[in-house]
C-alpha cells in the first residue's frame, strides 16, 4: 500500500471507532438500574442534580464553543406536516426572541450563554433559522445508522439544487427524522444525539444533531411526559401544549442537543467526566427536570395552560416544555420557571 492508502485506512478506522458512540446521546424518561451507562456510573445511579452538588465536576477542556451568531440549517428527513414544521421553527426562532412572555425560551437560553471559550467570549445570544432541505423520499432509506446520518448531511450540502450552505464556524446542522424512520439505537438508548461530521465522509467538520419523531415507534420513551413508559404504573401523561405528542416531545430533545452543541460542539469543550467519547454535558446533568424539585419520575413544578396542557416556558406565540440545563455559575440545574428566580 502507498502512503495515501495507509492514511485513508487509518482515517476509516478512526471514523468507525468514533461513530460507534457520538459524544452525546439522550433520553428524556427516568432512568432505572437496567439502563445504567458509563456516565451514570461516574456520578452514581443518577445524573440529575436539581439542587447544588459539589460532586458535579463540569470542566472546560479548552475547545471551541459557538460564540458567533448561530445559524440552524434544518434537514427534514421523510414526510412532515406543515404544522409540525411550524412548531419546531417557532421554537428555534424563540431562542433569540426579546418579547416573549415570561418564563421564556430566550431566558432558558441565557443559562447557555453564560458558558465561554478560552478567550472569555460567551456563547452567542443570536440563534436564527438558516436554510432548509427537504428529503421527502428517504434518500438513504427508512433505517439509518450513525454513519448514514452523516451521509444524509453530505447529500444536503452537496445537492445539485439548493444545497445547504457550508458553515463550520457558526452553522448548526439539525437532522430531523419523521415518525416512520428508525435510527440506530433509537428508542432503546437514545432519542437524539449530537456530534460532528468527519471530513473523510462529508468533506468538512460540521457540528450536527439528530432528533427523531417517536410518536409511532416509542412515545413512552422519547415523548415523555406526554406519553408514559410502561414501567411507570398509574401515571397519567401530560397534555402536550401544541397538540402533537411526537413533535412536542421532540422540542425538549432539540433544546437539549442545541444547548450541548453550543457548549461542546467538537467534544473538547464543556463536559464532566474523563472520557470525551462518554461526556456528561450541560443538559445530561438535568435529564427529566423541567421545574423546581424535579428528578426521578417527577418533572418538577411546571405550568398549566388554560386548555389543560403542560408547559414551562413561552415562545413567540406558543408554549413549550423544555428540560432545564446546568448552570456552572449557580452549580445546579436551572430554567426560566425556577421558583427561586
Protein backbone atom coordinates (compact mmCIF):
# COMPACT_ATOMS: atom_id res chain seq x y z
CA UNK A 1 0.00 0.00 0.00
CA UNK A 2 1.17 3.53 -0.69
CA UNK A 3 1.13 6.33 1.90
CA UNK A 4 -2.19 7.71 0.75
CA UNK A 5 -3.87 4.32 1.12
CA UNK A 6 -2.39 3.85 4.61
CA UNK A 7 -3.71 7.30 5.55
CA UNK A 8 -7.19 6.55 4.23
CA UNK A 9 -7.33 3.25 6.10
CA UNK A 10 -6.31 4.98 9.32
CA UNK A 11 -8.99 7.63 8.84
CA UNK A 12 -11.61 4.97 8.16
CA UNK A 13 -10.68 3.09 11.34
CA UNK A 14 -11.00 6.29 13.38
CA UNK A 15 -14.36 7.06 11.76
CA UNK A 16 -15.73 3.63 12.68
CA UNK A 17 -14.44 3.86 16.25
CA UNK A 18 -15.86 7.32 16.90
CA UNK A 19 -19.09 6.75 15.02
CA UNK A 20 -19.97 3.88 17.34
CA UNK A 21 -20.78 6.34 20.13
CA UNK A 22 -21.43 10.00 19.38
CA UNK A 23 -20.42 12.34 22.14
CA UNK A 24 -23.92 12.76 23.46
CA UNK A 25 -26.98 10.56 23.46
CA UNK A 26 -30.11 11.49 25.35
CA UNK A 27 -33.34 10.06 26.54
CA UNK A 28 -35.93 12.11 28.46
CA UNK A 29 -37.53 9.37 30.56
CA UNK A 30 -36.45 8.48 34.13
CA UNK A 31 -33.61 6.02 34.33
CA UNK A 32 -33.59 2.75 36.21
CA UNK A 33 -30.86 0.31 37.16
CA UNK A 34 -31.18 -1.62 33.92
CA UNK A 35 -30.23 1.44 31.87
CA UNK A 36 -27.02 2.48 33.64
CA UNK A 37 -24.23 3.58 31.33
CA UNK A 38 -20.68 4.83 31.77
CA UNK A 39 -21.62 8.37 32.70
CA UNK A 40 -24.27 7.12 35.15
CA UNK A 41 -21.61 5.11 36.88
CA UNK A 42 -19.36 8.14 37.18
CA UNK A 43 -21.96 10.05 39.21
CA UNK A 44 -23.79 7.22 40.92
CA UNK A 45 -27.07 5.86 39.58
CA UNK A 46 -28.49 9.24 38.60
CA UNK A 47 -27.21 12.22 36.66
CA UNK A 48 -29.94 14.55 37.92
CA UNK A 49 -28.86 17.31 40.26
CA UNK A 50 -31.71 19.78 40.65
CA UNK A 51 -30.08 21.15 43.80
CA UNK A 52 -26.49 22.29 44.14
CA UNK A 53 -23.99 19.45 44.03
CA UNK A 54 -20.30 19.54 44.76
CA UNK A 55 -19.99 16.13 43.10
CA UNK A 56 -20.51 17.53 39.62
CA UNK A 57 -17.10 18.35 38.16
CA UNK A 58 -18.07 20.11 34.97
CA UNK A 59 -14.87 21.39 33.40
CA UNK A 60 -13.80 23.37 30.36
CA UNK A 61 -11.38 21.43 28.15
CA UNK A 62 -10.19 24.42 26.08
CA UNK A 63 -12.06 23.56 22.88
CA UNK A 64 -14.21 26.00 20.87
CA UNK A 65 -17.81 26.89 21.66
CA UNK A 66 -20.31 28.64 19.40
CA UNK A 67 -19.59 32.31 20.12
CA UNK A 68 -20.57 33.76 16.74
CA UNK A 69 -24.17 34.10 15.57
CA UNK A 70 -25.60 30.58 15.39
CA UNK A 71 -27.43 29.59 12.23
CA UNK A 72 -29.54 26.42 12.34
CA UNK A 73 -29.73 24.61 9.00
CA UNK A 74 -32.52 22.02 9.08
CA UNK A 75 -32.88 18.77 7.15
CA UNK A 76 -36.44 17.40 7.18
CA UNK A 77 -35.96 13.69 6.50
CA UNK A 78 -39.12 11.90 5.45
CA UNK A 79 -42.63 13.31 5.31
CA UNK A 80 -43.55 16.18 7.59
CA UNK A 81 -46.81 18.06 8.00
CA UNK A 82 -46.74 21.81 7.61
CA UNK A 83 -47.87 22.44 11.19
CA UNK A 84 -45.19 20.12 12.58
CA UNK A 85 -42.51 22.15 10.87
CA UNK A 86 -44.09 25.35 12.13
CA UNK A 87 -43.97 24.22 15.79
CA UNK A 88 -40.26 23.43 15.52
CA UNK A 89 -39.35 26.56 13.55
CA UNK A 90 -41.12 28.77 16.08
CA UNK A 91 -39.23 27.12 18.95
CA UNK A 92 -35.87 27.84 17.29
CA UNK A 93 -36.94 31.40 16.49
CA UNK A 94 -37.99 31.86 20.13
CA UNK A 95 -34.44 31.31 21.42
CA UNK A 96 -33.43 34.85 20.44
CA UNK A 97 -36.84 36.49 20.79
CA UNK A 98 -36.95 39.54 23.04
CA UNK A 99 -40.68 39.99 23.63
CA UNK A 100 -41.87 36.51 24.63
CA UNK A 101 -43.94 36.35 27.84
CA UNK A 102 -42.17 35.12 30.95
CA UNK A 103 -40.98 32.46 31.59
CA UNK A 104 -39.48 32.44 28.12
CA UNK A 105 -37.41 30.21 25.86
CA UNK A 106 -34.99 33.12 25.50
CA UNK A 107 -34.48 33.21 29.28
CA UNK A 108 -33.73 29.46 29.19
CA UNK A 109 -31.02 30.10 26.57
CA UNK A 110 -29.44 32.76 28.78
CA UNK A 111 -28.06 29.99 31.01
CA UNK A 112 -26.37 28.52 27.93
CA UNK A 113 -24.96 31.95 27.06
CA UNK A 114 -23.05 32.04 30.36
CA UNK A 115 -20.56 29.50 29.02
CA UNK A 116 -17.40 30.91 27.45
CA UNK A 117 -14.38 29.88 25.43
CA UNK A 118 -10.74 30.31 26.47
CA UNK A 119 -10.79 33.97 25.41
CA UNK A 120 -13.75 34.71 27.68
CA UNK A 121 -16.19 35.11 24.78
CA UNK A 122 -19.72 33.99 25.64
CA UNK A 123 -21.87 31.68 23.58
CA UNK A 124 -23.91 33.69 21.12
CA UNK A 125 -27.31 35.01 22.15
CA UNK A 126 -28.26 35.05 18.47
CA UNK A 127 -29.80 31.83 17.16
CA UNK A 128 -31.62 32.02 13.86
CA UNK A 129 -33.09 29.68 11.30
CA UNK A 130 -30.92 29.18 8.25
CA UNK A 131 -31.73 27.29 5.10
CA UNK A 132 -33.75 24.07 4.97
CA UNK A 133 -33.56 20.91 2.92
CA UNK A 134 -36.44 18.52 2.40
CA UNK A 135 -35.67 14.83 1.87
CA UNK A 136 -39.24 13.62 1.32
CA UNK A 137 -38.28 10.44 -0.49
CA UNK A 138 -36.00 8.95 2.19
CA UNK A 139 -32.85 9.10 0.05
CA UNK A 140 -30.95 6.82 2.43
CA UNK A 141 -33.86 4.56 3.39
CA UNK A 142 -36.06 4.36 6.46
CA UNK A 143 -33.44 2.76 8.67
CA UNK A 144 -30.36 4.88 9.34
CA UNK A 145 -27.09 4.10 11.07
CA UNK A 146 -24.94 6.68 12.82
CA UNK A 147 -22.67 6.82 9.79
CA UNK A 148 -25.52 7.07 7.29
CA UNK A 149 -26.80 10.10 9.20
CA UNK A 150 -23.58 11.82 8.17
CA UNK A 151 -24.24 10.70 4.60
CA UNK A 152 -27.66 12.38 4.70
CA UNK A 153 -25.95 15.61 5.76
CA UNK A 154 -23.41 15.23 2.97
CA UNK A 155 -26.23 14.82 0.46
CA UNK A 156 -27.85 18.03 1.75
CA UNK A 157 -24.70 20.15 1.41
CA UNK A 158 -23.73 18.73 -1.99
CA UNK A 159 -27.20 18.66 -3.61
CA UNK A 160 -27.31 19.94 -7.18
CA UNK A 161 -30.26 22.20 -6.39
CA UNK A 162 -30.38 24.44 -3.34
CA UNK A 163 -27.62 22.78 -1.29
CA UNK A 164 -27.33 23.77 2.35
CA UNK A 165 -24.52 26.29 2.95
CA UNK A 166 -21.27 25.01 4.43
CA UNK A 167 -20.68 26.93 7.64
CA UNK A 168 -18.26 25.15 10.02
CA UNK A 169 -17.75 28.08 12.41
CA UNK A 170 -21.30 29.06 13.29
CA UNK A 171 -23.54 26.60 11.46
CA UNK A 172 -25.53 24.01 13.37
CA UNK A 173 -26.96 21.22 11.22
CA UNK A 174 -30.20 19.75 12.55
CA UNK A 175 -31.36 16.46 11.04
CA UNK A 176 -34.96 15.65 11.97
CA UNK A 177 -36.37 12.24 11.04
CA UNK A 178 -40.08 11.59 10.52
CA UNK A 179 -42.11 9.18 12.66
CA UNK A 180 -41.62 6.24 10.28
CA UNK A 181 -37.81 6.40 10.29
CA UNK A 182 -35.71 4.24 12.59
CA UNK A 183 -32.22 5.38 13.59
CA UNK A 184 -29.60 3.14 15.18
CA UNK A 185 -30.27 2.86 18.97
CA UNK A 186 -33.43 4.98 18.69
CA UNK A 187 -35.91 4.17 21.48
CA UNK A 188 -33.62 1.69 23.23
CA UNK A 189 -30.93 4.11 24.42
CA UNK A 190 -31.26 7.44 22.58
CA UNK A 191 -33.88 9.93 21.43
CA UNK A 192 -31.34 12.29 19.93
CA UNK A 193 -27.62 12.91 19.85
CA UNK A 194 -25.08 15.40 18.61
CA UNK A 195 -21.58 15.11 17.22
CA UNK A 196 -19.59 16.47 14.28
CA UNK A 197 -19.17 15.21 10.75
CA UNK A 198 -15.94 13.56 9.63
CA UNK A 199 -14.02 15.21 6.77
CA UNK A 200 -13.27 11.76 5.37
CA UNK A 201 -17.01 11.15 4.93
CA UNK A 202 -18.56 14.59 4.46
CA UNK A 203 -15.62 16.75 3.45
CA UNK A 204 -15.98 19.12 6.42
CA UNK A 205 -16.16 19.14 10.21
CA UNK A 206 -19.70 20.35 10.88
CA UNK A 207 -21.46 20.26 14.27
CA UNK A 208 -24.76 18.43 13.88
CA UNK A 209 -27.61 16.96 15.88
CA UNK A 210 -30.14 14.28 15.06
CA UNK A 211 -33.58 14.10 16.70
CA UNK A 212 -36.31 11.64 15.78
CA UNK A 213 -40.11 11.82 15.96
CA UNK A 214 -41.02 8.96 18.30
CA UNK A 215 -44.82 9.10 18.07
CA UNK A 216 -45.20 5.78 16.23
CA UNK A 217 -42.10 3.97 17.46
CA UNK A 218 -41.69 4.77 21.18
CA UNK A 219 -43.59 7.77 22.55
CA UNK A 220 -43.35 6.45 26.12
CA UNK A 221 -39.57 6.59 25.84
CA UNK A 222 -38.91 9.70 23.79
CA UNK A 223 -42.03 11.86 24.13
CA UNK A 224 -42.17 11.66 27.93
CA UNK A 225 -44.05 13.13 29.82
CA UNK A 226 -46.63 13.48 27.03
CA UNK A 227 -46.55 9.68 26.89
CA UNK A 228 -45.51 7.39 29.73
CA UNK A 229 -43.29 4.27 29.62
CA UNK A 230 -44.89 1.02 30.73
CA UNK A 231 -42.60 0.62 33.74
CA UNK A 232 -44.14 3.69 35.45
CA UNK A 233 -47.53 2.42 36.66
CA UNK A 234 -50.54 4.63 37.35
CA UNK A 235 -49.02 7.77 35.85
CA UNK A 236 -51.18 9.85 33.56
CA UNK A 237 -49.38 11.52 30.63
CA UNK A 238 -49.42 15.29 30.38
CA UNK A 239 -51.36 17.05 27.65
CA UNK A 240 -48.97 18.39 25.03
CA UNK A 241 -49.02 22.18 24.54
CA UNK A 242 -49.20 22.12 20.74
CA UNK A 243 -51.44 19.11 20.22
CA UNK A 244 -48.75 16.87 18.71
CA UNK A 245 -47.22 14.36 21.13
CA UNK A 246 -44.37 13.39 18.82
CA UNK A 247 -43.30 16.94 17.92
CA UNK A 248 -43.85 18.38 21.40
CA UNK A 249 -41.65 15.56 22.67
CA UNK A 250 -39.02 16.44 20.09
CA UNK A 251 -38.87 20.07 21.22
CA UNK A 252 -37.17 19.25 24.51
CA UNK A 253 -34.72 16.91 22.78
CA UNK A 254 -33.90 19.62 20.22
CA UNK A 255 -33.32 22.11 23.04
CA UNK A 256 -31.13 19.58 24.86
CA UNK A 257 -28.95 18.92 21.84
CA UNK A 258 -28.68 22.58 20.80
CA UNK A 259 -27.53 23.57 24.29
CA UNK A 260 -24.86 20.87 24.23
CA UNK A 261 -23.78 21.63 20.67
CA UNK A 262 -23.29 25.26 21.64
CA UNK A 263 -21.16 24.39 24.67
CA UNK A 264 -19.37 21.30 23.34
CA UNK A 265 -19.52 21.24 19.52
CA UNK A 266 -16.35 19.20 18.92
CA UNK A 267 -16.40 17.10 22.11
CA UNK A 268 -13.50 19.06 23.63
CA UNK A 269 -15.11 22.00 25.47
CA UNK A 270 -17.58 21.85 28.40
CA UNK A 271 -18.33 18.45 29.92
CA UNK A 272 -17.88 16.37 33.06
CA UNK A 273 -16.07 13.05 33.23
CA UNK A 274 -12.70 11.91 31.97
CA UNK A 275 -13.64 10.37 28.62
CA UNK A 276 -14.64 12.75 25.79
CA UNK A 277 -16.43 9.91 23.99
CA UNK A 278 -18.69 9.46 27.06
CA UNK A 279 -19.12 13.04 28.30
CA UNK A 280 -21.74 14.25 30.74
CA UNK A 281 -22.79 17.59 29.27
CA UNK A 282 -24.81 20.55 30.50
CA UNK A 283 -28.18 19.06 29.54
CA UNK A 284 -27.31 15.46 30.52
CA UNK A 285 -26.98 16.66 34.11
CA UNK A 286 -30.62 17.76 34.10
CA UNK A 287 -32.39 14.88 32.33
CA UNK A 288 -36.07 14.77 33.20
CA UNK A 289 -36.01 18.08 35.12
CA UNK A 290 -38.45 20.74 33.94
CA UNK A 291 -39.04 22.71 37.13
CA UNK A 292 -38.09 23.23 40.75
CA UNK A 293 -37.91 19.97 42.69
CA UNK A 294 -37.61 17.81 39.57
CA UNK A 295 -35.88 14.44 39.48
CA UNK A 296 -36.73 10.77 39.06
CA UNK A 297 -40.18 10.47 37.50
CA UNK A 298 -41.19 13.92 38.80
CA UNK A 299 -40.85 16.76 36.30
CA UNK A 300 -40.76 19.46 38.97
CA UNK A 301 -43.04 22.48 39.23
CA UNK A 302 -44.42 23.21 35.78
CA UNK A 303 -47.31 25.31 34.44
CA UNK A 304 -50.81 24.52 33.22
CA UNK A 305 -52.26 26.30 30.20
CA UNK A 306 -55.94 27.28 30.00
CA UNK A 307 -56.65 24.17 27.94
CA UNK A 308 -55.00 21.86 30.46
CA UNK A 309 -51.74 21.43 28.55
CA UNK A 310 -48.45 21.34 30.45
CA UNK A 311 -45.57 23.70 29.70
CA UNK A 312 -42.72 25.52 31.42
CA UNK A 313 -41.80 28.31 29.02
CA UNK A 314 -43.26 30.59 26.39
CA UNK A 315 -42.06 31.07 22.85
CA UNK A 316 -43.03 33.85 20.48
CA UNK A 317 -46.57 32.55 20.03
CA UNK A 318 -46.54 29.04 21.50
CA UNK A 319 -45.87 27.24 24.76
CA UNK A 320 -43.23 24.55 25.19
CA UNK A 321 -41.98 22.05 27.74
CA UNK A 322 -38.18 22.09 27.66
CA UNK A 323 -35.83 20.43 30.13
CA UNK A 324 -33.52 22.57 32.22
CA UNK A 325 -29.76 22.87 31.76
CA UNK A 326 -26.85 23.02 34.18
CA UNK A 327 -25.54 26.41 35.28
CA UNK A 328 -21.83 26.34 36.08
CA UNK A 329 -22.28 29.72 37.80
CA UNK A 330 -25.02 28.53 40.17
CA UNK A 331 -23.75 24.93 40.20
CA UNK A 332 -27.17 23.39 39.72
CA UNK A 333 -29.87 22.85 37.10
CA UNK A 334 -32.00 25.88 36.36
CA UNK A 335 -34.61 27.24 33.98
CA UNK A 336 -36.74 30.36 33.49
CA UNK A 337 -39.62 28.91 35.58
CA UNK A 338 -37.42 28.24 38.63
CA UNK A 339 -39.24 29.29 41.81
CA UNK A 340 -36.12 30.94 43.25
CA UNK A 341 -35.85 33.43 40.36
